[in-house]
Protein backbone atom coordinates (compact mmCIF):
# COMPACT_ATOMS: atom_id res chain seq x y z
CA ALA A 1 -137.62 -97.20 -246.44
CA THR A 2 -140.71 -99.50 -247.50
CA GLY A 3 -138.61 -101.67 -249.76
CA ILE A 4 -136.20 -102.89 -247.31
CA PHE A 5 -138.58 -103.53 -244.56
CA VAL A 6 -140.27 -105.47 -247.35
CA LEU A 7 -136.91 -107.64 -248.03
CA MET A 8 -136.51 -107.60 -244.25
CA THR A 9 -139.60 -109.76 -243.79
CA PHE A 10 -140.03 -112.08 -246.90
CA VAL A 11 -136.48 -113.04 -245.85
CA SER A 12 -137.43 -113.76 -242.24
CA MET A 13 -140.12 -115.31 -242.98
CA TRP A 14 -138.91 -117.54 -245.83
CA ALA A 15 -135.79 -118.58 -243.51
CA LEU A 16 -138.31 -119.34 -240.61
CA VAL A 17 -140.37 -121.97 -243.26
CA CYS A 18 -136.75 -123.13 -244.93
CA ALA A 19 -135.29 -123.81 -241.29
CA SER A 20 -138.67 -125.50 -239.94
CA VAL A 21 -138.92 -128.03 -242.98
CA ILE A 22 -135.54 -128.69 -243.16
CA TYR A 23 -135.20 -129.80 -238.84
CA ALA A 24 -138.34 -131.89 -240.01
CA VAL A 25 -136.88 -133.66 -243.03
CA GLU A 26 -133.07 -133.96 -241.14
CA ILE A 27 -134.25 -134.65 -237.67
CA ASP A 28 -134.38 -138.47 -237.95
CA ALA A 29 -131.28 -138.59 -240.64
CA PRO A 30 -127.74 -140.18 -238.43
CA ASP A 31 -125.55 -137.50 -237.21
CA THR A 32 -128.09 -134.95 -238.64
CA ASP A 33 -126.46 -130.83 -237.98
CA PHE A 34 -129.65 -130.01 -237.60
CA VAL A 35 -130.84 -130.72 -233.71
CA SER A 36 -133.01 -127.48 -233.30
CA ILE A 37 -135.13 -124.90 -235.04
CA PRO A 38 -132.58 -122.50 -234.08
CA ALA A 39 -129.96 -124.45 -235.39
CA ALA A 40 -131.65 -124.95 -238.91
CA LEU A 41 -132.41 -121.28 -239.15
CA TRP A 42 -128.42 -120.62 -239.07
CA TRP A 43 -128.21 -122.83 -241.67
CA SER A 44 -131.38 -121.56 -243.57
CA MET A 45 -129.88 -117.99 -243.32
CA ALA A 46 -126.65 -118.98 -244.37
CA THR A 47 -128.54 -120.66 -247.40
CA ILE A 48 -131.08 -118.01 -248.39
CA SER A 49 -128.27 -115.10 -248.72
CA THR A 50 -125.23 -116.96 -249.95
CA VAL A 51 -124.35 -120.48 -251.06
CA GLY A 52 -124.19 -121.70 -247.84
CA TYR A 53 -121.53 -121.63 -245.16
CA GLY A 54 -120.85 -125.83 -245.62
CA ASP A 55 -120.67 -126.20 -241.38
CA MET A 56 -124.25 -127.39 -241.85
CA VAL A 57 -125.29 -129.67 -244.74
CA PRO A 58 -128.48 -131.91 -245.10
CA HIS A 59 -127.59 -135.74 -245.77
CA THR A 60 -131.37 -136.90 -246.78
CA SER A 61 -132.43 -136.79 -251.10
CA ILE A 62 -135.49 -134.63 -249.55
CA GLY A 63 -132.95 -132.81 -247.20
CA LYS A 64 -130.99 -131.60 -249.94
CA LEU A 65 -133.96 -130.95 -252.20
CA VAL A 66 -135.17 -128.47 -249.47
CA GLY A 67 -131.68 -126.22 -249.40
CA GLY A 68 -132.19 -126.15 -253.16
CA VAL A 69 -135.40 -124.59 -252.86
CA SER A 70 -133.69 -122.65 -249.82
CA MET A 71 -131.51 -120.87 -252.33
CA LEU A 72 -133.82 -120.73 -254.95
CA GLY A 73 -136.18 -118.77 -253.00
CA GLY A 74 -134.02 -116.84 -251.83
CA ILE A 75 -132.74 -115.64 -254.80
CA LEU A 76 -136.14 -115.11 -256.16
CA ILE A 77 -137.30 -112.71 -253.16
CA THR A 78 -133.95 -110.96 -253.59
CA SER A 79 -134.57 -109.56 -257.23
CA ILE A 80 -138.25 -109.05 -256.94
CA SER A 81 -137.07 -106.97 -253.65
CA VAL A 82 -134.14 -105.48 -255.77
CA ALA A 83 -136.47 -104.55 -258.82
CA VAL A 84 -139.14 -103.24 -256.23
CA ILE A 85 -136.23 -100.94 -254.26
CA THR A 86 -134.91 -99.73 -258.04
CA THR A 87 -138.49 -98.52 -258.94
CA SER A 88 -139.20 -96.80 -256.28
CA PHE A 89 -136.00 -94.62 -256.51
CA THR A 90 -136.11 -94.37 -260.23
CA GLU A 91 -139.60 -93.03 -259.65
CA HIS A 92 -138.46 -90.59 -256.80
CA TYR A 93 -135.65 -89.59 -258.61
CA GLN A 94 -137.82 -88.24 -261.43
CA GLN A 95 -140.31 -86.88 -259.35
CA ARG A 96 -137.46 -84.23 -258.25
CA VAL A 97 -135.86 -83.82 -261.71
CA ARG A 98 -139.24 -82.68 -262.70
CA VAL A 99 -139.78 -80.48 -259.85
CA HIS A 100 -136.08 -79.23 -260.51
CA GLU A 101 -137.84 -78.48 -264.65
CA ASP A 102 -140.45 -76.30 -263.69
């Protein structure tokens, strides 16, 4: 349960940071879809959890860079969290096997 809590916490924090940055970068772009931080949060969650939904895209070069960093950060956070959860599961399983062998 701790690993999942850590995963959700880091994803939420990363999503909020990415949404704030993309909003600040894209707000002055013409025809932007990033009209508010909650709207940018939708984009951020879709970008972090997958490769995007496609309904909102950054138009500036810096915005596209932020999008790439958001994706890579999401992949990194997810992979580290899965490794922690897997290690925890393996340790608990090995303890259970040792108890049943004794």
